Amino acid sequence: MGFDIPEPYVWDESFRVFYENLDEEHKGLFKGIFDCAKSPADGAALSHLQNAVRTHFANEESMMKAGNYSEFPGHKQIHEDFLAKLGGLTAPLSDATIKFAKDWLVNHIKGTDFKYKGKLA
């Protein structure tokens, strides 16, 4: 999609959206994907990631609504599409699935989330 996937796969300052709660949640999503990559057969790691993503998306969308963020409908649809893919997964995860998740998160934060910087409540 465009942005480089960091190695090791951890959050760094280049991913800051400048909302402390969202940055902390993004760190958790990186960790969740990292844990799944480390142990692709671990169903508990996948379940934890799925729950962390659902919680994060709900929090982010709530802030978008509160800030009357104009790009909310499209952003929410992107979230729903990713959740549908993520929710349909079972362990063990394939290398292609892990690469997709890593790439998706990096590009979603830098390509989509960065558009809301300074615009949320």
PDB file of N, CA and C in Angstrom:
ATOM      1  N   MET A   1       0.820  -1.198   0.000  1.00  0.00           N
ATOM      2  CA  MET A   1       0.000   0.000   0.000  1.00  0.00           C
ATOM      3  C   MET A   1       0.861   1.257   0.000  1.00  0.00           C
ATOM      4  N   GLY A   2       2.018   1.204   0.654  1.00  0.00           N
ATOM      5  CA  GLY A   2       2.820   2.405   0.552  1.00  0.00           C
ATOM      6  C   GLY A   2       3.858   2.624   1.626  1.00  0.00           C
ATOM      7  N   PHE A   3       3.489   2.531   2.878  1.00  0.00           N
ATOM      8  CA  PHE A   3       4.416   2.820   3.971  1.00  0.00           C
ATOM      9  C   PHE A   3       5.192   1.567   4.370  1.00  0.00           C
ATOM     10  N   ASP A   4       6.429   1.774   4.791  1.00  0.00           N
ATOM     11  CA  ASP A   4       7.274   0.653   5.185  1.00  0.00           C
ATOM     12  C   ASP A   4       6.793   0.027   6.485  1.00  0.00           C
ATOM     13  N   ILE A   5       6.830  -1.284   6.536  1.00  0.00           N
ATOM     14  CA  ILE A   5       6.495  -2.026   7.749  1.00  0.00           C
ATOM     15  C   ILE A   5       7.734  -2.037   8.632  1.00  0.00           C
ATOM     16  N   PRO A   6       7.628  -1.521   9.867  1.00  0.00           N
ATOM     17  CA  PRO A   6       8.815  -1.494  10.731  1.00  0.00           C
ATOM     18  C   PRO A   6       9.245  -2.898  11.144  1.00  0.00           C
ATOM     19  N   GLU A   7      10.521  -3.046  11.332  1.00  0.00           N
ATOM     20  CA  GLU A   7      11.079  -4.317  11.805  1.00  0.00           C
ATOM     21  C   GLU A   7      12.093  -3.991  12.883  1.00  0.00           C
ATOM     22  N   PRO A   8      11.938  -4.393  14.129  1.00  0.00           N
ATOM     23  CA  PRO A   8      10.822  -5.229  14.588  1.00  0.00           C
ATOM     24  C   PRO A   8       9.488  -4.481  14.516  1.00  0.00           C
ATOM     25  N   TYR A   9       8.408  -5.250  14.524  1.00  0.00           N
ATOM     26  CA  TYR A   9       7.072  -4.678  14.340  1.00  0.00           C
ATOM     27  C   TYR A   9       6.584  -4.079  15.655  1.00  0.00           C
ATOM     28  N   VAL A  10       6.999  -2.838  15.899  1.00  0.00           N
ATOM     29  CA  VAL A  10       6.580  -2.112  17.097  1.00  0.00           C
ATOM     30  C   VAL A  10       6.237  -0.675  16.717  1.00  0.00           C
ATOM     31  N   TRP A  11       5.345  -0.089  17.496  1.00  0.00           N
ATOM     32  CA  TRP A  11       4.952   1.305  17.335  1.00  0.00           C
ATOM     33  C   TRP A  11       6.157   2.187  17.614  1.00  0.00           C
ATOM     34  N   ASP A  12       6.298   3.272  16.852  1.00  0.00           N
ATOM     35  CA  ASP A  12       7.312   4.279  17.154  1.00  0.00           C
ATOM     36  C   ASP A  12       6.692   5.662  16.955  1.00  0.00           C
ATOM     37  N   GLU A  13       7.459   6.697  17.251  1.00  0.00           N
ATOM     38  CA  GLU A  13       6.939   8.069  17.218  1.00  0.00           C
ATOM     39  C   GLU A  13       6.400   8.489  15.846  1.00  0.00           C
ATOM     40  N   SER A  14       6.840   7.824  14.790  1.00  0.00           N
ATOM     41  CA  SER A  14       6.354   8.198  13.458  1.00  0.00           C
ATOM     42  C   SER A  14       4.865   7.870  13.284  1.00  0.00           C
ATOM     43  N   PHE A  15       4.291   7.110  14.221  1.00  0.00           N
ATOM     44  CA  PHE A  15       2.869   6.741  14.159  1.00  0.00           C
ATOM     45  C   PHE A  15       1.986   7.609  15.051  1.00  0.00           C
ATOM     46  N   ARG A  16       2.546   8.622  15.698  1.00  0.00           N
ATOM     47  CA  ARG A  16       1.763   9.436  16.630  1.00  0.00           C
ATOM     48  C   ARG A  16       0.629  10.174  15.933  1.00  0.00           C
ATOM     49  N   VAL A  17      -0.567  10.074  16.535  1.00  0.00           N
ATOM     50  CA  VAL A  17      -1.715  10.849  16.063  1.00  0.00           C
ATOM     51  C   VAL A  17      -2.010  12.007  17.016  1.00  0.00           C
ATOM     52  N   PHE A  18      -1.269  12.082  18.113  1.00  0.00           N
ATOM     53  CA  PHE A  18      -1.332  13.172  19.092  1.00  0.00           C
ATOM     54  C   PHE A  18      -2.630  13.204  19.896  1.00  0.00           C
ATOM     55  N   TYR A  19      -3.230  12.041  20.052  1.00  0.00           N
ATOM     56  CA  TYR A  19      -4.297  11.816  21.022  1.00  0.00           C
ATOM     57  C   TYR A  19      -3.749  10.676  21.867  1.00  0.00           C
ATOM     58  N   GLU A  20      -3.408  10.981  23.122  1.00  0.00           N
ATOM     59  CA  GLU A  20      -2.675  10.025  23.953  1.00  0.00           C
ATOM     60  C   GLU A  20      -3.369   8.664  24.036  1.00  0.00           C
ATOM     61  N   ASN A  21      -4.695   8.671  24.218  1.00  0.00           N
ATOM     62  CA  ASN A  21      -5.411   7.397  24.336  1.00  0.00           C
ATOM     63  C   ASN A  21      -5.333   6.585  23.044  1.00  0.00           C
ATOM     64  N   LEU A  22      -5.439   7.251  21.906  1.00  0.00           N
ATOM     65  CA  LEU A  22      -5.379   6.527  20.636  1.00  0.00           C
ATOM     66  C   LEU A  22      -3.963   6.039  20.350  1.00  0.00           C
ATOM     67  N   ASP A  23      -2.967   6.855  20.687  1.00  0.00           N
ATOM     68  CA  ASP A  23      -1.581   6.400  20.514  1.00  0.00           C
ATOM     69  C   ASP A  23      -1.312   5.170  21.378  1.00  0.00           C
ATOM     70  N   GLU A  24      -1.811   5.166  22.605  1.00  0.00           N
ATOM     71  CA  GLU A  24      -1.625   4.001  23.482  1.00  0.00           C
ATOM     72  C   GLU A  24      -2.333   2.772  22.909  1.00  0.00           C
ATOM     73  N   GLU A  25      -3.532   2.969  22.381  1.00  0.00           N
ATOM     74  CA  GLU A  25      -4.256   1.849  21.779  1.00  0.00           C
ATOM     75  C   GLU A  25      -3.542   1.344  20.525  1.00  0.00           C
ATOM     76  N   HIS A  26      -3.000   2.268  19.724  1.00  0.00           N
ATOM     77  CA  HIS A  26      -2.251   1.853  18.541  1.00  0.00           C
ATOM     78  C   HIS A  26      -1.040   1.014  18.952  1.00  0.00           C
ATOM     79  N   LYS A  27      -0.378   1.404  20.039  1.00  0.00           N
ATOM     80  CA  LYS A  27       0.754   0.601  20.545  1.00  0.00           C
ATOM     81  C   LYS A  27       0.278  -0.817  20.850  1.00  0.00           C
ATOM     82  N   GLY A  28      -0.903  -0.921  21.445  1.00  0.00           N
ATOM     83  CA  GLY A  28      -1.460  -2.232  21.772  1.00  0.00           C
ATOM     84  C   GLY A  28      -1.800  -3.050  20.540  1.00  0.00           C
ATOM     85  N   LEU A  29      -2.246  -2.389  19.479  1.00  0.00           N
ATOM     86  CA  LEU A  29      -2.545  -3.110  18.239  1.00  0.00           C
ATOM     87  C   LEU A  29      -1.266  -3.646  17.603  1.00  0.00           C
ATOM     88  N   PHE A  30      -0.216  -2.827  17.634  1.00  0.00           N
ATOM     89  CA  PHE A  30       1.081  -3.307  17.141  1.00  0.00           C
ATOM     90  C   PHE A  30       1.509  -4.543  17.927  1.00  0.00           C
ATOM     91  N   LYS A  31       1.384  -4.473  19.255  1.00  0.00           N
ATOM     92  CA  LYS A  31       1.781  -5.594  20.097  1.00  0.00           C
ATOM     93  C   LYS A  31       0.919  -6.817  19.795  1.00  0.00           C
ATOM     94  N   GLY A  32      -0.375  -6.609  19.598  1.00  0.00           N
ATOM     95  CA  GLY A  32      -1.267  -7.719  19.297  1.00  0.00           C
ATOM     96  C   GLY A  32      -0.901  -8.424  18.004  1.00  0.00           C
ATOM     97  N   ILE A  33      -0.580  -7.656  16.982  1.00  0.00           N
ATOM     98  CA  ILE A  33      -0.177  -8.250  15.710  1.00  0.00           C
ATOM     99  C   ILE A  33       1.194  -8.916  15.859  1.00  0.00           C
ATOM    100  N   PHE A  34       2.102  -8.274  16.591  1.00  0.00           N
ATOM    101  CA  PHE A  34       3.422  -8.849  16.852  1.00  0.00           C
ATOM    102  C   PHE A  34       3.276 -10.200  17.547  1.00  0.00           C
ATOM    103  N   ASP A  35       2.398 -10.258  18.554  1.00  0.00           N
ATOM    104  CA  ASP A  35       2.191 -11.511  19.290  1.00  0.00           C
ATOM    105  C   ASP A  35       1.631 -12.602  18.380  1.00  0.00           C
ATOM    106  N   CYS A  36       0.721 -12.230  17.487  1.00  0.00           N
ATOM    107  CA  CYS A  36       0.171 -13.206  16.543  1.00  0.00           C
ATOM    108  C   CYS A  36       1.251 -13.678  15.564  1.00  0.00           C
ATOM    109  N   ALA A  37       2.128 -12.771  15.161  1.00  0.00           N
ATOM    110  CA  ALA A  37       3.207 -13.147  14.242  1.00  0.00           C
ATOM    111  C   ALA A  37       4.195 -14.090  14.922  1.00  0.00           C
ATOM    112  N   LYS A  38       4.437 -13.830  16.214  1.00  0.00           N
ATOM    113  CA  LYS A  38       5.376 -14.647  16.986  1.00  0.00           C
ATOM    114  C   LYS A  38       4.819 -16.052  17.218  1.00  0.00           C
ATOM    115  N   SER A  39       3.499 -16.146  17.417  1.00  0.00           N
ATOM    116  CA  SER A  39       2.849 -17.431  17.706  1.00  0.00           C
ATOM    117  C   SER A  39       1.577 -17.563  16.868  1.00  0.00           C
ATOM    118  N   PRO A  40       1.711 -17.840  15.559  1.00  0.00           N
ATOM    119  CA  PRO A  40       0.541 -17.869  14.671  1.00  0.00           C
ATOM    120  C   PRO A  40      -0.523 -18.901  15.039  1.00  0.00           C
ATOM    121  N   ALA A  41      -0.145 -19.917  15.815  1.00  0.00           N
ATOM    122  CA  ALA A  41      -1.110 -20.951  16.199  1.00  0.00           C
ATOM    123  C   ALA A  41      -1.820 -20.640  17.514  1.00  0.00           C
ATOM    124  N   ASP A  42      -1.486 -19.506  18.134  1.00  0.00           N
ATOM    125  CA  ASP A  42      -2.042 -19.147  19.443  1.00  0.00           C
ATOM    126  C   ASP A  42      -3.402 -18.467  19.283  1.00  0.00           C
ATOM    127  N   GLY A  43      -4.459 -19.235  19.492  1.00  0.00           N
ATOM    128  CA  GLY A  43      -5.809 -18.697  19.378  1.00  0.00           C
ATOM    129  C   GLY A  43      -6.099 -17.598  20.381  1.00  0.00           C
ATOM    130  N   ALA A  44      -5.493 -17.666  21.561  1.00  0.00           N
ATOM    131  CA  ALA A  44      -5.698 -16.625  22.573  1.00  0.00           C
ATOM    132  C   ALA A  44      -5.105 -15.301  22.112  1.00  0.00           C
ATOM    133  N   ALA A  45      -3.962 -15.335  21.444  1.00  0.00           N
ATOM    134  CA  ALA A  45      -3.343 -14.103  20.925  1.00  0.00           C
ATOM    135  C   ALA A  45      -4.238 -13.482  19.858  1.00  0.00           C
ATOM    136  N   LEU A  46      -4.798 -14.324  18.996  1.00  0.00           N
ATOM    137  CA  LEU A  46      -5.707 -13.823  17.961  1.00  0.00           C
ATOM    138  C   LEU A  46      -6.953 -13.222  18.594  1.00  0.00           C
ATOM    139  N   SER A  47      -7.526 -13.898  19.563  1.00  0.00           N
ATOM    140  CA  SER A  47      -8.717 -13.395  20.245  1.00  0.00           C
ATOM    141  C   SER A  47      -8.432 -12.054  20.923  1.00  0.00           C
ATOM    142  N   HIS A  48      -7.274 -11.952  21.556  1.00  0.00           N
ATOM    143  CA  HIS A  48      -6.885 -10.694  22.206  1.00  0.00           C
ATOM    144  C   HIS A  48      -6.777  -9.576  21.171  1.00  0.00           C
ATOM    145  N   LEU A  49      -6.165  -9.863  20.034  1.00  0.00           N
ATOM    146  CA  LEU A  49      -6.047  -8.858  18.973  1.00  0.00           C
ATOM    147  C   LEU A  49      -7.427  -8.441  18.475  1.00  0.00           C
ATOM    148  N   GLN A  50      -8.299  -9.400  18.232  1.00  0.00           N
ATOM    149  CA  GLN A  50      -9.646  -9.084  17.754  1.00  0.00           C
ATOM    150  C   GLN A  50     -10.372  -8.165  18.728  1.00  0.00           C
ATOM    151  N   ASN A  51     -10.280  -8.448  20.019  1.00  0.00           N
ATOM    152  CA  ASN A  51     -10.928  -7.616  21.032  1.00  0.00           C
ATOM    153  C   ASN A  51     -10.290  -6.236  21.098  1.00  0.00           C
ATOM    154  N   ALA A  52      -8.967  -6.170  21.016  1.00  0.00           N
ATOM    155  CA  ALA A  52      -8.277  -4.874  21.073  1.00  0.00           C
ATOM    156  C   ALA A  52      -8.655  -4.001  19.882  1.00  0.00           C
ATOM    157  N   VAL A  53      -8.778  -4.607  18.719  1.00  0.00           N
ATOM    158  CA  VAL A  53      -9.157  -3.851  17.517  1.00  0.00           C
ATOM    159  C   VAL A  53     -10.585  -3.332  17.654  1.00  0.00           C
ATOM    160  N   ARG A  54     -11.502  -4.188  18.094  1.00  0.00           N
ATOM    161  CA  ARG A  54     -12.902  -3.750  18.274  1.00  0.00           C
ATOM    162  C   ARG A  54     -12.987  -2.580  19.249  1.00  0.00           C
ATOM    163  N   THR A  55     -12.305  -2.696  20.375  1.00  0.00           N
ATOM    164  CA  THR A  55     -12.331  -1.640  21.390  1.00  0.00           C
ATOM    165  C   THR A  55     -11.734  -0.347  20.846  1.00  0.00           C
ATOM    166  N   HIS A  56     -10.602  -0.466  20.180  1.00  0.00           N
ATOM    167  CA  HIS A  56      -9.949   0.727  19.629  1.00  0.00           C
ATOM    168  C   HIS A  56     -10.839   1.416  18.598  1.00  0.00           C
ATOM    169  N   PHE A  57     -11.394   0.647  17.676  1.00  0.00           N
ATOM    170  CA  PHE A  57     -12.241   1.253  16.652  1.00  0.00           C
ATOM    171  C   PHE A  57     -13.436   1.966  17.285  1.00  0.00           C
ATOM    172  N   ALA A  58     -14.043   1.371  18.299  1.00  0.00           N
ATOM    173  CA  ALA A  58     -15.183   2.004  18.978  1.00  0.00           C
ATOM    174  C   ALA A  58     -14.757   3.317  19.624  1.00  0.00           C
ATOM    175  N   ASN A  59     -13.609   3.328  20.281  1.00  0.00           N
ATOM    176  CA  ASN A  59     -13.130   4.555  20.922  1.00  0.00           C
ATOM    177  C   ASN A  59     -12.808   5.635  19.895  1.00  0.00           C
ATOM    178  N   GLU A  60     -12.128   5.256  18.843  1.00  0.00           N
ATOM    179  CA  GLU A  60     -11.752   6.210  17.801  1.00  0.00           C
ATOM    180  C   GLU A  60     -12.996   6.776  17.120  1.00  0.00           C
ATOM    181  N   GLU A  61     -13.948   5.909  16.814  1.00  0.00           N
ATOM    182  CA  GLU A  61     -15.180   6.359  16.162  1.00  0.00           C
ATOM    183  C   GLU A  61     -15.983   7.279  17.071  1.00  0.00           C
ATOM    184  N   SER A  62     -15.982   7.023  18.359  1.00  0.00           N
ATOM    185  CA  SER A  62     -16.666   7.895  19.307  1.00  0.00           C
ATOM    186  C   SER A  62     -16.054   9.294  19.290  1.00  0.00           C
ATOM    187  N   MET A  63     -14.735   9.354  19.235  1.00  0.00           N
ATOM    188  CA  MET A  63     -14.058  10.655  19.174  1.00  0.00           C
ATOM    189  C   MET A  63     -14.344  11.362  17.851  1.00  0.00           C
ATOM    190  N   MET A  64     -14.456  10.602  16.778  1.00  0.00           N
ATOM    191  CA  MET A  64     -14.779  11.191  15.473  1.00  0.00           C
ATOM    192  C   MET A  64     -16.179  11.798  15.494  1.00  0.00           C
ATOM    193  N   LYS A  65     -17.126  11.052  16.054  1.00  0.00           N
ATOM    194  CA  LYS A  65     -18.501  11.554  16.133  1.00  0.00           C
ATOM    195  C   LYS A  65     -18.554  12.818  16.982  1.00  0.00           C
ATOM    196  N   ALA A  66     -17.889  12.795  18.129  1.00  0.00           N
ATOM    197  CA  ALA A  66     -17.896  13.949  19.036  1.00  0.00           C
ATOM    198  C   ALA A  66     -17.275  15.179  18.372  1.00  0.00           C
ATOM    199  N   GLY A  67     -16.318  14.964  17.487  1.00  0.00           N
ATOM    200  CA  GLY A  67     -15.662  16.076  16.803  1.00  0.00           C
ATOM    201  C   GLY A  67     -16.289  16.409  15.460  1.00  0.00           C
ATOM    202  N   ASN A  68     -17.438  15.791  15.152  1.00  0.00           N
ATOM    203  CA  ASN A  68     -18.095  15.978  13.857  1.00  0.00           C
ATOM    204  C   ASN A  68     -17.107  15.834  12.701  1.00  0.00           C
ATOM    205  N   TYR A  69     -16.290  14.806  12.786  1.00  0.00           N
ATOM    206  CA  TYR A  69     -15.259  14.564  11.774  1.00  0.00           C
ATOM    207  C   TYR A  69     -15.919  14.266  10.436  1.00  0.00           C
ATOM    208  N   SER A  70     -15.623  15.069   9.433  1.00  0.00           N
ATOM    209  CA  SER A  70     -16.321  14.985   8.144  1.00  0.00           C
ATOM    210  C   SER A  70     -16.070  13.677   7.402  1.00  0.00           C
ATOM    211  N   GLU A  71     -14.943  13.018   7.649  1.00  0.00           N
ATOM    212  CA  GLU A  71     -14.641  11.786   6.942  1.00  0.00           C
ATOM    213  C   GLU A  71     -15.042  10.540   7.736  1.00  0.00           C
ATOM    214  N   PHE A  72     -15.885  10.733   8.761  1.00  0.00           N
ATOM    215  CA  PHE A  72     -16.291   9.618   9.613  1.00  0.00           C
ATOM    216  C   PHE A  72     -16.922   8.449   8.850  1.00  0.00           C
ATOM    217  N   PRO A  73     -17.905   8.682   7.970  1.00  0.00           N
ATOM    218  CA  PRO A  73     -18.558   7.525   7.327  1.00  0.00           C
ATOM    219  C   PRO A  73     -17.577   6.619   6.573  1.00  0.00           C
ATOM    220  N   GLY A  74     -16.683   7.191   5.803  1.00  0.00           N
ATOM    221  CA  GLY A  74     -15.717   6.397   5.058  1.00  0.00           C
ATOM    222  C   GLY A  74     -14.726   5.692   5.966  1.00  0.00           C
ATOM    223  N   HIS A  75     -14.310   6.393   7.020  1.00  0.00           N
ATOM    224  CA  HIS A  75     -13.357   5.817   7.967  1.00  0.00           C
ATOM    225  C   HIS A  75     -14.006   4.637   8.694  1.00  0.00           C
ATOM    226  N   LYS A  76     -15.260   4.811   9.094  1.00  0.00           N
ATOM    227  CA  LYS A  76     -15.974   3.730   9.775  1.00  0.00           C
ATOM    228  C   LYS A  76     -16.099   2.512   8.863  1.00  0.00           C
ATOM    229  N   GLN A  77     -16.351   2.735   7.585  1.00  0.00           N
ATOM    230  CA  GLN A  77     -16.477   1.616   6.640  1.00  0.00           C
ATOM    231  C   GLN A  77     -15.158   0.856   6.526  1.00  0.00           C
ATOM    232  N   ILE A  78     -14.051   1.570   6.506  1.00  0.00           N
ATOM    233  CA  ILE A  78     -12.732   0.927   6.462  1.00  0.00           C
ATOM    234  C   ILE A  78     -12.553   0.050   7.701  1.00  0.00           C
ATOM    235  N   HIS A  79     -12.963   0.580   8.871  1.00  0.00           N
ATOM    236  CA  HIS A  79     -12.897  -0.210  10.108  1.00  0.00           C
ATOM    237  C   HIS A  79     -13.747  -1.469   9.989  1.00  0.00           C
ATOM    238  N   GLU A  80     -14.978  -1.309   9.505  1.00  0.00           N
ATOM    239  CA  GLU A  80     -15.892  -2.453   9.407  1.00  0.00           C
ATOM    240  C   GLU A  80     -15.346  -3.525   8.469  1.00  0.00           C
ATOM    241  N   ASP A  81     -14.728  -3.093   7.365  1.00  0.00           N
ATOM    242  CA  ASP A  81     -14.161  -4.056   6.420  1.00  0.00           C
ATOM    243  C   ASP A  81     -13.015  -4.844   7.070  1.00  0.00           C
ATOM    244  N   PHE A  82     -12.162  -4.150   7.823  1.00  0.00           N
ATOM    245  CA  PHE A  82     -11.048  -4.832   8.484  1.00  0.00           C
ATOM    246  C   PHE A  82     -11.567  -5.767   9.574  1.00  0.00           C
ATOM    247  N   LEU A  83     -12.552  -5.306  10.341  1.00  0.00           N
ATOM    248  CA  LEU A  83     -13.126  -6.158  11.392  1.00  0.00           C
ATOM    249  C   LEU A  83     -13.746  -7.428  10.806  1.00  0.00           C
ATOM    250  N   ALA A  84     -14.385  -7.297   9.651  1.00  0.00           N
ATOM    251  CA  ALA A  84     -14.992  -8.468   9.004  1.00  0.00           C
ATOM    252  C   ALA A  84     -13.912  -9.490   8.644  1.00  0.00           C
ATOM    253  N   LYS A  85     -12.794  -9.014   8.118  1.00  0.00           N
ATOM    254  CA  LYS A  85     -11.688  -9.928   7.784  1.00  0.00           C
ATOM    255  C   LYS A  85     -11.094 -10.531   9.046  1.00  0.00           C
ATOM    256  N   LEU A  86     -10.833  -9.680  10.031  1.00  0.00           N
ATOM    257  CA  LEU A  86     -10.201 -10.123  11.270  1.00  0.00           C
ATOM    258  C   LEU A  86     -11.107 -11.097  12.025  1.00  0.00           C
ATOM    259  N   GLY A  87     -12.397 -10.800  12.047  1.00  0.00           N
ATOM    260  CA  GLY A  87     -13.340 -11.640  12.769  1.00  0.00           C
ATOM    261  C   GLY A  87     -13.505 -13.026  12.165  1.00  0.00           C
ATOM    262  N   GLY A  88     -13.190 -13.159  10.891  1.00  0.00           N
ATOM    263  CA  GLY A  88     -13.327 -14.447  10.229  1.00  0.00           C
ATOM    264  C   GLY A  88     -12.092 -15.331  10.344  1.00  0.00           C
ATOM    265  N   LEU A  89     -11.063 -14.840  11.014  1.00  0.00           N
ATOM    266  CA  LEU A  89      -9.816 -15.601  11.110  1.00  0.00           C
ATOM    267  C   LEU A  89      -9.843 -16.611  12.246  1.00  0.00           C
ATOM    268  N   THR A  90      -9.115 -17.690  12.046  1.00  0.00           N
ATOM    269  CA  THR A  90      -8.879 -18.676  13.093  1.00  0.00           C
ATOM    270  C   THR A  90      -7.402 -19.039  13.073  1.00  0.00           C
ATOM    271  N   ALA A  91      -6.922 -19.451  14.223  1.00  0.00           N
ATOM    272  CA  ALA A  91      -5.523 -19.889  14.316  1.00  0.00           C
ATOM    273  C   ALA A  91      -5.432 -21.307  13.769  1.00  0.00           C
ATOM    274  N   PRO A  92      -4.343 -21.665  13.131  1.00  0.00           N
ATOM    275  CA  PRO A  92      -3.133 -20.875  12.939  1.00  0.00           C
ATOM    276  C   PRO A  92      -3.277 -19.877  11.789  1.00  0.00           C
ATOM    277  N   LEU A  93      -2.607 -18.742  11.943  1.00  0.00           N
ATOM    278  CA  LEU A  93      -2.624 -17.696  10.924  1.00  0.00           C
ATOM    279  C   LEU A  93      -1.524 -17.965   9.900  1.00  0.00           C
ATOM    280  N   SER A  94      -1.836 -17.689   8.656  1.00  0.00           N
ATOM    281  CA  SER A  94      -0.838 -17.863   7.596  1.00  0.00           C
ATOM    282  C   SER A  94       0.117 -16.664   7.584  1.00  0.00           C
ATOM    283  N   ASP A  95       1.263 -16.877   6.978  1.00  0.00           N
ATOM    284  CA  ASP A  95       2.216 -15.772   6.826  1.00  0.00           C
ATOM    285  C   ASP A  95       1.582 -14.629   6.042  1.00  0.00           C
ATOM    286  N   ALA A  96       0.801 -14.947   5.034  1.00  0.00           N
ATOM    287  CA  ALA A  96       0.158 -13.919   4.215  1.00  0.00           C
ATOM    288  C   ALA A  96      -0.835 -13.095   5.041  1.00  0.00           C
ATOM    289  N   THR A  97      -1.557 -13.744   5.932  1.00  0.00           N
ATOM    290  CA  THR A  97      -2.516 -13.047   6.787  1.00  0.00           C
ATOM    291  C   THR A  97      -1.786 -12.112   7.743  1.00  0.00           C
ATOM    292  N   ILE A  98      -0.700 -12.578   8.309  1.00  0.00           N
ATOM    293  CA  ILE A  98       0.071 -11.735   9.233  1.00  0.00           C
ATOM    294  C   ILE A  98       0.659 -10.543   8.492  1.00  0.00           C
ATOM    295  N   LYS A  99       1.193 -10.782   7.311  1.00  0.00           N
ATOM    296  CA  LYS A  99       1.738  -9.676   6.518  1.00  0.00           C
ATOM    297  C   LYS A  99       0.632  -8.677   6.191  1.00  0.00           C
ATOM    298  N   PHE A 100      -0.547  -9.168   5.820  1.00  0.00           N
ATOM    299  CA  PHE A 100      -1.674  -8.289   5.527  1.00  0.00           C
ATOM    300  C   PHE A 100      -2.010  -7.423   6.739  1.00  0.00           C
ATOM    301  N   ALA A 101      -2.105  -8.021   7.921  1.00  0.00           N
ATOM    302  CA  ALA A 101      -2.461  -7.278   9.133  1.00  0.00           C
ATOM    303  C   ALA A 101      -1.397  -6.224   9.450  1.00  0.00           C
ATOM    304  N   LYS A 102      -0.124  -6.596   9.358  1.00  0.00           N
ATOM    305  CA  LYS A 102       0.955  -5.639   9.611  1.00  0.00           C
ATOM    306  C   LYS A 102       0.861  -4.463   8.653  1.00  0.00           C
ATOM    307  N   ASP A 103       0.731  -4.771   7.376  1.00  0.00           N
ATOM    308  CA  ASP A 103       0.659  -3.744   6.338  1.00  0.00           C
ATOM    309  C   ASP A 103      -0.581  -2.869   6.521  1.00  0.00           C
ATOM    310  N   TRP A 104      -1.709  -3.510   6.832  1.00  0.00           N
ATOM    311  CA  TRP A 104      -2.953  -2.763   6.990  1.00  0.00           C
ATOM    312  C   TRP A 104      -2.819  -1.738   8.112  1.00  0.00           C
ATOM    313  N   LEU A 105      -2.330  -2.149   9.260  1.00  0.00           N
ATOM    314  CA  LEU A 105      -2.250  -1.232  10.398  1.00  0.00           C
ATOM    315  C   LEU A 105      -1.318  -0.064  10.111  1.00  0.00           C
ATOM    316  N   VAL A 106      -0.142  -0.348   9.591  1.00  0.00           N
ATOM    317  CA  VAL A 106       0.822   0.713   9.266  1.00  0.00           C
ATOM    318  C   VAL A 106       0.194   1.719   8.308  1.00  0.00           C
ATOM    319  N   ASN A 107      -0.392   1.225   7.236  1.00  0.00           N
ATOM    320  CA  ASN A 107      -0.951   2.113   6.220  1.00  0.00           C
ATOM    321  C   ASN A 107      -2.239   2.786   6.665  1.00  0.00           C
ATOM    322  N   HIS A 108      -3.003   2.120   7.528  1.00  0.00           N
ATOM    323  CA  HIS A 108      -4.222   2.744   8.043  1.00  0.00           C
ATOM    324  C   HIS A 108      -3.870   3.925   8.944  1.00  0.00           C
ATOM    325  N   ILE A 109      -2.914   3.743   9.834  1.00  0.00           N
ATOM    326  CA  ILE A 109      -2.547   4.839  10.726  1.00  0.00           C
ATOM    327  C   ILE A 109      -1.958   5.995   9.924  1.00  0.00           C
ATOM    328  N   LYS A 110      -0.954   5.711   9.116  1.00  0.00           N
ATOM    329  CA  LYS A 110      -0.254   6.789   8.410  1.00  0.00           C
ATOM    330  C   LYS A 110      -1.045   7.357   7.235  1.00  0.00           C
ATOM    331  N   GLY A 111      -1.891   6.549   6.619  1.00  0.00           N
ATOM    332  CA  GLY A 111      -2.631   7.018   5.454  1.00  0.00           C
ATOM    333  C   GLY A 111      -4.037   7.491   5.731  1.00  0.00           C
ATOM    334  N   THR A 112      -4.679   6.943   6.773  1.00  0.00           N
ATOM    335  CA  THR A 112      -6.082   7.278   7.056  1.00  0.00           C
ATOM    336  C   THR A 112      -6.223   8.014   8.379  1.00  0.00           C
ATOM    337  N   ASP A 113      -5.669   7.459   9.455  1.00  0.00           N
ATOM    338  CA  ASP A 113      -5.795   8.106  10.765  1.00  0.00           C
ATOM    339  C   ASP A 113      -5.119   9.472  10.793  1.00  0.00           C
ATOM    340  N   PHE A 114      -4.012   9.622  10.098  1.00  0.00           N
ATOM    341  CA  PHE A 114      -3.308  10.913  10.117  1.00  0.00           C
ATOM    342  C   PHE A 114      -4.192  12.042   9.612  1.00  0.00           C
ATOM    343  N   LYS A 115      -5.211  11.744   8.830  1.00  0.00           N
ATOM    344  CA  LYS A 115      -6.112  12.779   8.326  1.00  0.00           C
ATOM    345  C   LYS A 115      -6.936  13.411   9.437  1.00  0.00           C
ATOM    346  N   TYR A 116      -7.105  12.721  10.569  1.00  0.00           N
ATOM    347  CA  TYR A 116      -7.920  13.287  11.654  1.00  0.00           C
ATOM    348  C   TYR A 116      -7.101  14.042  12.688  1.00  0.00           C
ATOM    349  N   LYS A 117      -5.818  14.130  12.518  1.00  0.00           N
ATOM    350  CA  LYS A 117      -4.987  14.853  13.494  1.00  0.00           C
ATOM    351  C   LYS A 117      -5.545  16.266  13.700  1.00  0.00           C
ATOM    352  N   GLY A 118      -5.773  16.608  14.960  1.00  0.00           N
ATOM    353  CA  GLY A 118      -6.259  17.941  15.295  1.00  0.00           C
ATOM    354  C   GLY A 118      -7.726  18.170  15.029  1.00  0.00           C
ATOM    355  N   LYS A 119      -8.468  17.137  14.633  1.00  0.00           N
ATOM    356  CA  LYS A 119      -9.874  17.307  14.258  1.00  0.00           C
ATOM    357  C   LYS A 119     -10.853  16.542  15.124  1.00  0.00           C
ATOM    358  N   LEU A 120     -10.364  15.824  16.146  1.00  0.00           N
ATOM    359  CA  LEU A 120     -11.258  15.014  16.986  1.00  0.00           C
ATOM    360  C   LEU A 120     -11.508  15.678  18.318  1.00  0.00           C
ATOM    361  N   ALA A 121     -12.560  15.231  18.988  1.00  0.00           N
ATOM    362  CA  ALA A 121     -12.890  15.776  20.302  1.00  0.00           C
ATOM    363  C   ALA A 121     -12.563  14.759  21.371  1.00  0.00           C
TER     364      ALA A 121
END
